[in-house]
Structure formats: structure tokens, C-alpha cells
């Protein structure tokens, strides 16, 4: 079984890594729209147009399903992609919410912090789904500067440290941080450390569990080969993939 993974840039590599290590698929085809990243500050029509162009790319491949690793696309253009795709298309919002549910937090007063792009936060999708789980304290903030920081491979250092402080300084201590953008797991450790080791949830791990349940598949492949494509500077995407521990 072969899977495609689409993202606005390199962030979806966090999902690709989890899928590669899961043993659920024989091959993985990755496409990052690095020429036009970030998507989170663009309007819905523009994001949808970019997403449908990605559908055309994957329609010409032999993957069995497509994972949209971009949260912005998942909340704005997923249904349009499904209409034009010749294979099943899955977003990352439902898996992320499922992962939070599976934590089985004993206290519904636990404070959940959602961080994502402006488009994802503005959509209110995560807030709605998490509220339906019964949580009473949900903070949701846009942290768009994290995207270019990750795209520039600034995974540590003063720029990242000051940006984290800029966004989080006035917030109450969360019990869980839901990383609502697939770029953010690349800096998840630094985010967790800022809050003293708080639990983080990211879409890669969540997607593996969701696909196993939804597709009713189990790990059967000892190795998953990966082919990486990008709309610009594919060499940089491959370098980030290797930094993240993806086997090319």
C-alpha cells in the first residue's frame, strides 16, 4: 500500500516520518509546496487553488490514499480536494483531536493550548472539536512566526527562544499543547521545555493511530521507501528530512 503526503512546505515531514516508521505502507510520496509557503496567511480561495494543484500532482501518481499534512489546508480546502481527487483524502484535524481524547485526562478542567497558523485558529475547528470533548479551558493562539523559523531550519538558538517567549509569556501554564501545524513538531521539544516539560500532541503520531483505526490496517512492512518532491528547492527539503531522521 502506498501513501501520498502533501504539505505547504517542510512541516509535513513530521507526518511523513511517523508514517515511514509505522510499517503501514510500502512506499511514501511526499510533495511540499515550498515555493509558496506559508499558507496560513493566505485567503481561502488561494489556499484552495494551491491545494487543487497538489491534487493534480497526486492524481498522476499510483498512491492509494493522500494525507493532507497541512492544518491550514485541512480546515479550508479538504472537501474541495476530495471532490477532485481520484483517491481518498484525509486531513489532520480529526487525528489530532482523537489523540487528545485518547490521553484520557482525568480532569475536564485541564487547560488545553492550541497553537497554529492564523487561518487554522480563525476557523475555530480545533476549538469546536475539543470543546465537544467537554474541556472547559481552551486557549487558542496563532503563532505564524514558527513556520518560517522551521522553514529556515532554526530549530534552536536565540531567534526561536525569543519567539517562543513572545507568544507564550502572558499565557497560563497549559496541561497539554496541541500543535495545530505540522511545522511545529520540529520545535516541539523547545515548546515543551518552555512549559517545564508539558505534554505536546502532534499530527504525525496522531495520524498513524487514526489511519490504523480508519483503514483497519496493521504494520506489515519492514521498510517504507520515500520519494520527496517540492515546488522549489527540493535539496533543502531532503536536508530537513534527514535532520528529522527520515531515511531517504
C-alpha atoms as a PDB file:
ATOM      1  CA  UNK A   1       0.000   0.000   0.000  1.00  0.00           C
ATOM      2  CA  UNK A   2       1.323   3.437  -0.980  1.00  0.00           C
ATOM      3  CA  UNK A   3       0.543   6.782   0.651  1.00  0.00           C
ATOM      4  CA  UNK A   4       0.958  10.368  -0.506  1.00  0.00           C
ATOM      5  CA  UNK A   5       1.685  13.229   1.896  1.00  0.00           C
ATOM      6  CA  UNK A   6       1.074  16.871   0.961  1.00  0.00           C
ATOM      7  CA  UNK A   7       2.130  19.967   2.878  1.00  0.00           C
ATOM      8  CA  UNK A   8       2.702  23.643   2.212  1.00  0.00           C
ATOM      9  CA  UNK A   9       6.415  23.172   2.927  1.00  0.00           C
ATOM     10  CA  UNK A  10       8.649  21.014   5.099  1.00  0.00           C
ATOM     11  CA  UNK A  11       6.305  20.728   8.076  1.00  0.00           C
ATOM     12  CA  UNK A  12       4.556  17.666   6.706  1.00  0.00           C
ATOM     13  CA  UNK A  13       7.834  15.782   7.017  1.00  0.00           C
ATOM     14  CA  UNK A  14       6.875  15.271  10.660  1.00  0.00           C
ATOM     15  CA  UNK A  15       3.870  13.299   9.450  1.00  0.00           C
ATOM     16  CA  UNK A  16       5.942  11.560   6.792  1.00  0.00           C
ATOM     17  CA  UNK A  17       8.431  10.390   9.408  1.00  0.00           C
ATOM     18  CA  UNK A  18       5.715   8.896  11.590  1.00  0.00           C
ATOM     19  CA  UNK A  19       4.165   7.138   8.597  1.00  0.00           C
ATOM     20  CA  UNK A  20       7.545   5.835   7.438  1.00  0.00           C
ATOM     21  CA  UNK A  21       8.256   4.372  10.844  1.00  0.00           C
ATOM     22  CA  UNK A  22       4.763   2.916  11.256  1.00  0.00           C
ATOM     23  CA  UNK A  23       5.209  -0.005   8.886  1.00  0.00           C
ATOM     24  CA  UNK A  24       1.718   0.606   7.480  1.00  0.00           C
ATOM     25  CA  UNK A  25       2.878   1.452   3.947  1.00  0.00           C
ATOM     26  CA  UNK A  26       5.371   0.109   1.418  1.00  0.00           C
ATOM     27  CA  UNK A  27       6.048   3.482  -0.232  1.00  0.00           C
ATOM     28  CA  UNK A  28       5.547   7.161   0.596  1.00  0.00           C
ATOM     29  CA  UNK A  29       5.380  10.033  -1.881  1.00  0.00           C
ATOM     30  CA  UNK A  30       5.918  13.485  -0.359  1.00  0.00           C
ATOM     31  CA  UNK A  31       5.171  16.819  -2.007  1.00  0.00           C
ATOM     32  CA  UNK A  32       5.874  20.179  -0.362  1.00  0.00           C
ATOM     33  CA  UNK A  33       4.770  23.453  -1.951  1.00  0.00           C
ATOM     34  CA  UNK A  34       7.901  25.216  -0.764  1.00  0.00           C
ATOM     35  CA  UNK A  35       7.681  27.915  -3.433  1.00  0.00           C
ATOM     36  CA  UNK A  36       4.533  29.341  -1.820  1.00  0.00           C
ATOM     37  CA  UNK A  37       4.881  28.534   1.874  1.00  0.00           C
ATOM     38  CA  UNK A  38       3.391  29.656   4.262  1.00  0.00           C
ATOM     39  CA  UNK A  39      -0.284  29.048   3.575  1.00  0.00           C
ATOM     40  CA  UNK A  40      -1.542  30.268   6.947  1.00  0.00           C
ATOM     41  CA  UNK A  41      -1.621  33.956   5.973  1.00  0.00           C
ATOM     42  CA  UNK A  42      -3.384  33.406   2.638  1.00  0.00           C
ATOM     43  CA  UNK A  43      -7.115  33.620   1.919  1.00  0.00           C
ATOM     44  CA  UNK A  44      -9.306  30.547   1.485  1.00  0.00           C
ATOM     45  CA  UNK A  45      -9.601  30.812  -2.292  1.00  0.00           C
ATOM     46  CA  UNK A  46      -5.846  30.964  -2.716  1.00  0.00           C
ATOM     47  CA  UNK A  47      -5.221  28.017  -0.400  1.00  0.00           C
ATOM     48  CA  UNK A  48      -7.890  26.004  -2.200  1.00  0.00           C
ATOM     49  CA  UNK A  49      -6.318  26.747  -5.579  1.00  0.00           C
ATOM     50  CA  UNK A  50      -2.909  25.622  -4.354  1.00  0.00           C
ATOM     51  CA  UNK A  51      -4.436  22.512  -2.784  1.00  0.00           C
ATOM     52  CA  UNK A  52      -6.198  21.516  -6.011  1.00  0.00           C
ATOM     53  CA  UNK A  53      -2.923  21.870  -7.898  1.00  0.00           C
ATOM     54  CA  UNK A  54      -1.453  19.394  -5.421  1.00  0.00           C
ATOM     55  CA  UNK A  55      -4.380  17.064  -6.122  1.00  0.00           C
ATOM     56  CA  UNK A  56      -3.404  17.110  -9.799  1.00  0.00           C
ATOM     57  CA  UNK A  57       0.126  16.062  -8.832  1.00  0.00           C
ATOM     58  CA  UNK A  58      -1.095  13.118  -6.778  1.00  0.00           C
ATOM     59  CA  UNK A  59      -3.807  12.146  -9.270  1.00  0.00           C
ATOM     60  CA  UNK A  60      -0.961  11.340 -11.642  1.00  0.00           C
ATOM     61  CA  UNK A  61       0.686   9.022  -9.122  1.00  0.00           C
ATOM     62  CA  UNK A  62      -0.109   5.490  -8.015  1.00  0.00           C
ATOM     63  CA  UNK A  63      -0.608   6.176  -4.300  1.00  0.00           C
ATOM     64  CA  UNK A  64      -3.630   4.531  -2.670  1.00  0.00           C
ATOM     65  CA  UNK A  65      -4.554   7.480  -0.447  1.00  0.00           C
ATOM     66  CA  UNK A  66      -3.486  11.041   0.268  1.00  0.00           C
ATOM     67  CA  UNK A  67      -2.729  12.535   3.670  1.00  0.00           C
ATOM     68  CA  UNK A  68      -3.016  16.316   3.845  1.00  0.00           C
ATOM     69  CA  UNK A  69      -0.393  17.148   6.438  1.00  0.00           C
ATOM     70  CA  UNK A  70      -1.145  20.874   6.377  1.00  0.00           C
ATOM     71  CA  UNK A  71      -3.615  22.004   9.034  1.00  0.00           C
ATOM     72  CA  UNK A  72      -4.465  25.167   7.089  1.00  0.00           C
ATOM     73  CA  UNK A  73      -5.466  23.105   4.060  1.00  0.00           C
ATOM     74  CA  UNK A  74      -7.278  20.589   6.256  1.00  0.00           C
ATOM     75  CA  UNK A  75      -9.591  23.275   7.653  1.00  0.00           C
ATOM     76  CA  UNK A  76     -10.127  25.256   4.440  1.00  0.00           C
ATOM     77  CA  UNK A  77      -9.806  23.054   1.359  1.00  0.00           C
ATOM     78  CA  UNK A  78     -10.198  19.400   2.343  1.00  0.00           C
ATOM     79  CA  UNK A  79     -13.674  18.934   0.883  1.00  0.00           C
ATOM     80  CA  UNK A  80     -12.655  20.557  -2.399  1.00  0.00           C
ATOM     81  CA  UNK A  81      -9.660  18.227  -2.608  1.00  0.00           C
ATOM     82  CA  UNK A  82     -11.875  15.210  -2.022  1.00  0.00           C
ATOM     83  CA  UNK A  83     -14.163  16.244  -4.874  1.00  0.00           C
ATOM     84  CA  UNK A  84     -11.313  16.416  -7.382  1.00  0.00           C
ATOM     85  CA  UNK A  85      -9.089  13.599  -6.107  1.00  0.00           C
ATOM     86  CA  UNK A  86      -9.158  10.135  -7.646  1.00  0.00           C
ATOM     87  CA  UNK A  87      -8.202   8.593  -4.284  1.00  0.00           C
ATOM     88  CA  UNK A  88      -9.262   9.040  -0.644  1.00  0.00           C
ATOM     89  CA  UNK A  89      -8.017  12.215   1.037  1.00  0.00           C
ATOM     90  CA  UNK A  90      -7.503  12.506   4.813  1.00  0.00           C
ATOM     91  CA  UNK A  91      -6.798  15.634   6.869  1.00  0.00           C
ATOM     92  CA  UNK A  92      -5.007  16.043  10.188  1.00  0.00           C
ATOM     93  CA  UNK A  93      -7.615  17.714  12.396  1.00  0.00           C
ATOM     94  CA  UNK A  94      -9.602  14.603  13.375  1.00  0.00           C
ATOM     95  CA  UNK A  95      -6.459  12.585  14.230  1.00  0.00           C
ATOM     96  CA  UNK A  96      -5.175  15.400  16.443  1.00  0.00           C
ATOM     97  CA  UNK A  97      -8.443  15.624  18.343  1.00  0.00           C
ATOM     98  CA  UNK A  98      -8.544  11.833  18.672  1.00  0.00           C
ATOM     99  CA  UNK A  99      -5.048  11.857  20.167  1.00  0.00           C
ATOM    100  CA  UNK A 100      -6.183  14.369  22.795  1.00  0.00           C
ATOM    101  CA  UNK A 101      -9.212  12.219  23.591  1.00  0.00           C
ATOM    102  CA  UNK A 102      -7.021   9.139  23.988  1.00  0.00           C
ATOM    103  CA  UNK A 103      -4.929  10.857  26.653  1.00  0.00           C
ATOM    104  CA  UNK A 104      -7.897  10.172  28.958  1.00  0.00           C
ATOM    105  CA  UNK A 105      -7.240  13.266  31.021  1.00  0.00           C
ATOM    106  CA  UNK A 106      -8.984  12.773  34.344  1.00  0.00           C
ATOM    107  CA  UNK A 107      -9.856  16.429  34.753  1.00  0.00           C
ATOM    108  CA  UNK A 108     -12.083  18.202  32.235  1.00  0.00           C
ATOM    109  CA  UNK A 109     -10.762  21.439  33.733  1.00  0.00           C
ATOM    110  CA  UNK A 110      -7.349  20.645  32.230  1.00  0.00           C
ATOM    111  CA  UNK A 111      -6.091  23.613  30.238  1.00  0.00           C
ATOM    112  CA  UNK A 112      -5.580  22.875  26.552  1.00  0.00           C
ATOM    113  CA  UNK A 113      -3.427  25.211  24.472  1.00  0.00           C
ATOM    114  CA  UNK A 114      -3.843  25.111  20.698  1.00  0.00           C
ATOM    115  CA  UNK A 115      -1.139  26.776  18.599  1.00  0.00           C
ATOM    116  CA  UNK A 116      -1.478  27.029  14.823  1.00  0.00           C
ATOM    117  CA  UNK A 117      -1.468  29.396  11.871  1.00  0.00           C
ATOM    118  CA  UNK A 118      -3.884  32.322  11.713  1.00  0.00           C
ATOM    119  CA  UNK A 119      -6.164  30.527   9.255  1.00  0.00           C
ATOM    120  CA  UNK A 120      -6.443  27.426  11.415  1.00  0.00           C
ATOM    121  CA  UNK A 121      -7.115  29.374  14.612  1.00  0.00           C
ATOM    122  CA  UNK A 122      -9.589  31.688  12.876  1.00  0.00           C
ATOM    123  CA  UNK A 123     -11.543  28.700  11.534  1.00  0.00           C
ATOM    124  CA  UNK A 124     -12.313  27.602  15.101  1.00  0.00           C
ATOM    125  CA  UNK A 125     -12.314  23.941  14.043  1.00  0.00           C
ATOM    126  CA  UNK A 126      -9.976  22.694  16.767  1.00  0.00           C
ATOM    127  CA  UNK A 127     -11.708  24.774  19.420  1.00  0.00           C
ATOM    128  CA  UNK A 128     -15.087  23.353  18.422  1.00  0.00           C
ATOM    129  CA  UNK A 129     -13.989  19.711  18.412  1.00  0.00           C
ATOM    130  CA  UNK A 130     -12.080  19.994  21.672  1.00  0.00           C
ATOM    131  CA  UNK A 131     -14.976  21.807  23.297  1.00  0.00           C
ATOM    132  CA  UNK A 132     -17.215  18.912  22.257  1.00  0.00           C
ATOM    133  CA  UNK A 133     -14.922  16.607  24.261  1.00  0.00           C
ATOM    134  CA  UNK A 134     -16.009  18.532  27.349  1.00  0.00           C
ATOM    135  CA  UNK A 135     -12.894  20.576  28.106  1.00  0.00           C
ATOM    136  CA  UNK A 136     -13.666  23.859  29.822  1.00  0.00           C
ATOM    137  CA  UNK A 137     -10.395  25.752  29.401  1.00  0.00           C
ATOM    138  CA  UNK A 138      -9.156  26.094  25.844  1.00  0.00           C
ATOM    139  CA  UNK A 139      -6.622  28.696  24.754  1.00  0.00           C
ATOM    140  CA  UNK A 140      -6.043  29.072  21.016  1.00  0.00           C
ATOM    141  CA  UNK A 141      -3.403  31.414  19.627  1.00  0.00           C
ATOM    142  CA  UNK A 142      -1.902  31.980  16.202  1.00  0.00           C
ATOM    143  CA  UNK A 143       1.871  31.537  16.146  1.00  0.00           C
ATOM    144  CA  UNK A 144       2.704  32.192  12.477  1.00  0.00           C
ATOM    145  CA  UNK A 145       6.363  33.088  13.015  1.00  0.00           C
ATOM    146  CA  UNK A 146       7.118  29.476  13.916  1.00  0.00           C
ATOM    147  CA  UNK A 147       6.543  28.457  10.272  1.00  0.00           C
ATOM    148  CA  UNK A 148       9.344  30.492   8.641  1.00  0.00           C
ATOM    149  CA  UNK A 149      11.594  29.679  11.601  1.00  0.00           C
ATOM    150  CA  UNK A 150      11.189  25.975  10.862  1.00  0.00           C
ATOM    151  CA  UNK A 151      11.493  26.538   7.099  1.00  0.00           C
ATOM    152  CA  UNK A 152      14.826  28.255   7.809  1.00  0.00           C
ATOM    153  CA  UNK A 153      15.905  25.265   9.964  1.00  0.00           C
ATOM    154  CA  UNK A 154      16.306  27.434  13.078  1.00  0.00           C
ATOM    155  CA  UNK A 155      15.498  24.542  15.417  1.00  0.00           C
ATOM    156  CA  UNK A 156      17.341  26.120  18.341  1.00  0.00           C
ATOM    157  CA  UNK A 157      19.028  29.382  19.295  1.00  0.00           C
ATOM    158  CA  UNK A 158      18.025  32.919  20.260  1.00  0.00           C
ATOM    159  CA  UNK A 159      15.546  33.574  17.419  1.00  0.00           C
ATOM    160  CA  UNK A 160      13.438  30.564  18.343  1.00  0.00           C
ATOM    161  CA  UNK A 161      13.806  31.187  22.073  1.00  0.00           C
ATOM    162  CA  UNK A 162      12.666  34.815  21.847  1.00  0.00           C
ATOM    163  CA  UNK A 163       9.766  33.935  19.555  1.00  0.00           C
ATOM    164  CA  UNK A 164       8.520  31.286  21.960  1.00  0.00           C
ATOM    165  CA  UNK A 165       8.695  33.791  24.805  1.00  0.00           C
ATOM    166  CA  UNK A 166       6.917  36.401  22.675  1.00  0.00           C
ATOM    167  CA  UNK A 167       3.934  34.126  22.108  1.00  0.00           C
ATOM    168  CA  UNK A 168       3.720  32.384  25.481  1.00  0.00           C
ATOM    169  CA  UNK A 169       4.809  34.948  28.080  1.00  0.00           C
ATOM    170  CA  UNK A 170       1.290  36.079  29.000  1.00  0.00           C
ATOM    171  CA  UNK A 171      -0.426  32.670  28.897  1.00  0.00           C
ATOM    172  CA  UNK A 172      -1.358  30.454  31.800  1.00  0.00           C
ATOM    173  CA  UNK A 173       0.500  27.157  32.144  1.00  0.00           C
ATOM    174  CA  UNK A 174      -1.218  24.567  29.926  1.00  0.00           C
ATOM    175  CA  UNK A 175      -1.591  20.882  30.710  1.00  0.00           C
ATOM    176  CA  UNK A 176      -1.394  19.891  27.029  1.00  0.00           C
ATOM    177  CA  UNK A 177      -0.217  21.776  23.960  1.00  0.00           C
ATOM    178  CA  UNK A 178      -1.842  20.701  20.706  1.00  0.00           C
ATOM    179  CA  UNK A 179       0.482  21.522  17.835  1.00  0.00           C
ATOM    180  CA  UNK A 180      -2.017  22.555  15.176  1.00  0.00           C
ATOM    181  CA  UNK A 181       0.570  22.949  12.438  1.00  0.00           C
ATOM    182  CA  UNK A 182       2.808  20.190  11.118  1.00  0.00           C
ATOM    183  CA  UNK A 183       5.815  22.518  11.166  1.00  0.00           C
ATOM    184  CA  UNK A 184       5.656  22.747  14.941  1.00  0.00           C
ATOM    185  CA  UNK A 185       6.779  19.216  15.928  1.00  0.00           C
ATOM    186  CA  UNK A 186      10.231  20.159  14.648  1.00  0.00           C
ATOM    187  CA  UNK A 187      10.407  22.581  17.592  1.00  0.00           C
ATOM    188  CA  UNK A 188       8.176  20.569  19.936  1.00  0.00           C
ATOM    189  CA  UNK A 189      10.958  19.915  22.436  1.00  0.00           C
ATOM    190  CA  UNK A 190      11.706  23.601  22.803  1.00  0.00           C
ATOM    191  CA  UNK A 191       7.995  24.364  23.231  1.00  0.00           C
ATOM    192  CA  UNK A 192       7.632  21.614  25.823  1.00  0.00           C
ATOM    193  CA  UNK A 193      10.727  22.775  27.698  1.00  0.00           C
ATOM    194  CA  UNK A 194       9.397  26.337  27.931  1.00  0.00           C
ATOM    195  CA  UNK A 195       6.456  24.975  29.919  1.00  0.00           C
ATOM    196  CA  UNK A 196       8.644  22.710  32.050  1.00  0.00           C
ATOM    197  CA  UNK A 197       8.115  19.535  30.026  1.00  0.00           C
ATOM    198  CA  UNK A 198       4.409  19.829  29.192  1.00  0.00           C
ATOM    199  CA  UNK A 199       2.826  17.124  27.006  1.00  0.00           C
ATOM    200  CA  UNK A 200       2.561  18.003  23.318  1.00  0.00           C
ATOM    201  CA  UNK A 201       0.400  16.387  20.638  1.00  0.00           C
ATOM    202  CA  UNK A 202       1.395  16.441  17.001  1.00  0.00           C
ATOM    203  CA  UNK A 203      -0.324  15.272  13.868  1.00  0.00           C
ATOM    204  CA  UNK A 204       2.245  12.698  12.793  1.00  0.00           C
ATOM    205  CA  UNK A 205       1.798  10.380  15.738  1.00  0.00           C
ATOM    206  CA  UNK A 206      -1.933  11.023  15.747  1.00  0.00           C
ATOM    207  CA  UNK A 207      -2.265  10.263  12.024  1.00  0.00           C
ATOM    208  CA  UNK A 208      -0.683   6.827  12.394  1.00  0.00           C
ATOM    209  CA  UNK A 209      -3.173   5.801  15.068  1.00  0.00           C
ATOM    210  CA  UNK A 210      -6.094   7.262  13.110  1.00  0.00           C
ATOM    211  CA  UNK A 211      -5.164   5.507   9.852  1.00  0.00           C
ATOM    212  CA  UNK A 212      -4.782   2.181  11.626  1.00  0.00           C
ATOM    213  CA  UNK A 213      -8.280   2.505  13.018  1.00  0.00           C
ATOM    214  CA  UNK A 214      -9.942   4.110   9.991  1.00  0.00           C
ATOM    215  CA  UNK A 215      -8.386   1.908   7.294  1.00  0.00           C
ATOM    216  CA  UNK A 216      -8.189  -1.164   9.537  1.00  0.00           C
ATOM    217  CA  UNK A 217      -4.577  -1.817   8.610  1.00  0.00           C
ATOM    218  CA  UNK A 218      -1.673  -3.094  10.686  1.00  0.00           C
ATOM    219  CA  UNK A 219       2.111  -2.767  10.311  1.00  0.00           C
ATOM    220  CA  UNK A 220       3.274  -5.263   7.691  1.00  0.00           C
ATOM    221  CA  UNK A 221       6.233  -3.548   6.006  1.00  0.00           C
ATOM    222  CA  UNK A 222       9.754  -3.726   7.420  1.00  0.00           C
ATOM    223  CA  UNK A 223      10.799  -0.720   5.343  1.00  0.00           C
ATOM    224  CA  UNK A 224       8.971   2.201   3.744  1.00  0.00           C
ATOM    225  CA  UNK A 225      10.739   3.911   0.865  1.00  0.00           C
ATOM    226  CA  UNK A 226      10.154   7.637   0.432  1.00  0.00           C
ATOM    227  CA  UNK A 227      10.284   9.897  -2.603  1.00  0.00           C
ATOM    228  CA  UNK A 228      10.465  13.621  -1.923  1.00  0.00           C
ATOM    229  CA  UNK A 229       9.260  16.312  -4.333  1.00  0.00           C
ATOM    230  CA  UNK A 230       8.858  20.068  -3.925  1.00  0.00           C
ATOM    231  CA  UNK A 231       7.782  23.069  -5.964  1.00  0.00           C
ATOM    232  CA  UNK A 232      11.098  24.727  -5.128  1.00  0.00           C
ATOM    233  CA  UNK A 233      14.483  23.735  -3.671  1.00  0.00           C
ATOM    234  CA  UNK A 234      13.908  20.021  -3.207  1.00  0.00           C
ATOM    235  CA  UNK A 235      17.503  19.665  -1.934  1.00  0.00           C
ATOM    236  CA  UNK A 236      16.637  21.772   1.124  1.00  0.00           C
ATOM    237  CA  UNK A 237      13.550  19.661   1.796  1.00  0.00           C
ATOM    238  CA  UNK A 238      15.661  16.495   1.661  1.00  0.00           C
ATOM    239  CA  UNK A 239      18.171  18.075   4.053  1.00  0.00           C
ATOM    240  CA  UNK A 240      15.407  18.847   6.536  1.00  0.00           C
ATOM    241  CA  UNK A 241      14.091  15.303   6.123  1.00  0.00           C
ATOM    242  CA  UNK A 242      17.477  13.912   7.072  1.00  0.00           C
ATOM    243  CA  UNK A 243      17.692  16.288  10.043  1.00  0.00           C
ATOM    244  CA  UNK A 244      14.322  14.977  11.208  1.00  0.00           C
ATOM    245  CA  UNK A 245      15.590  11.393  10.927  1.00  0.00           C
ATOM    246  CA  UNK A 246      13.766  10.308   7.772  1.00  0.00           C
ATOM    247  CA  UNK A 247      15.511   7.528   5.882  1.00  0.00           C
ATOM    248  CA  UNK A 248      15.955   8.593   2.255  1.00  0.00           C
END
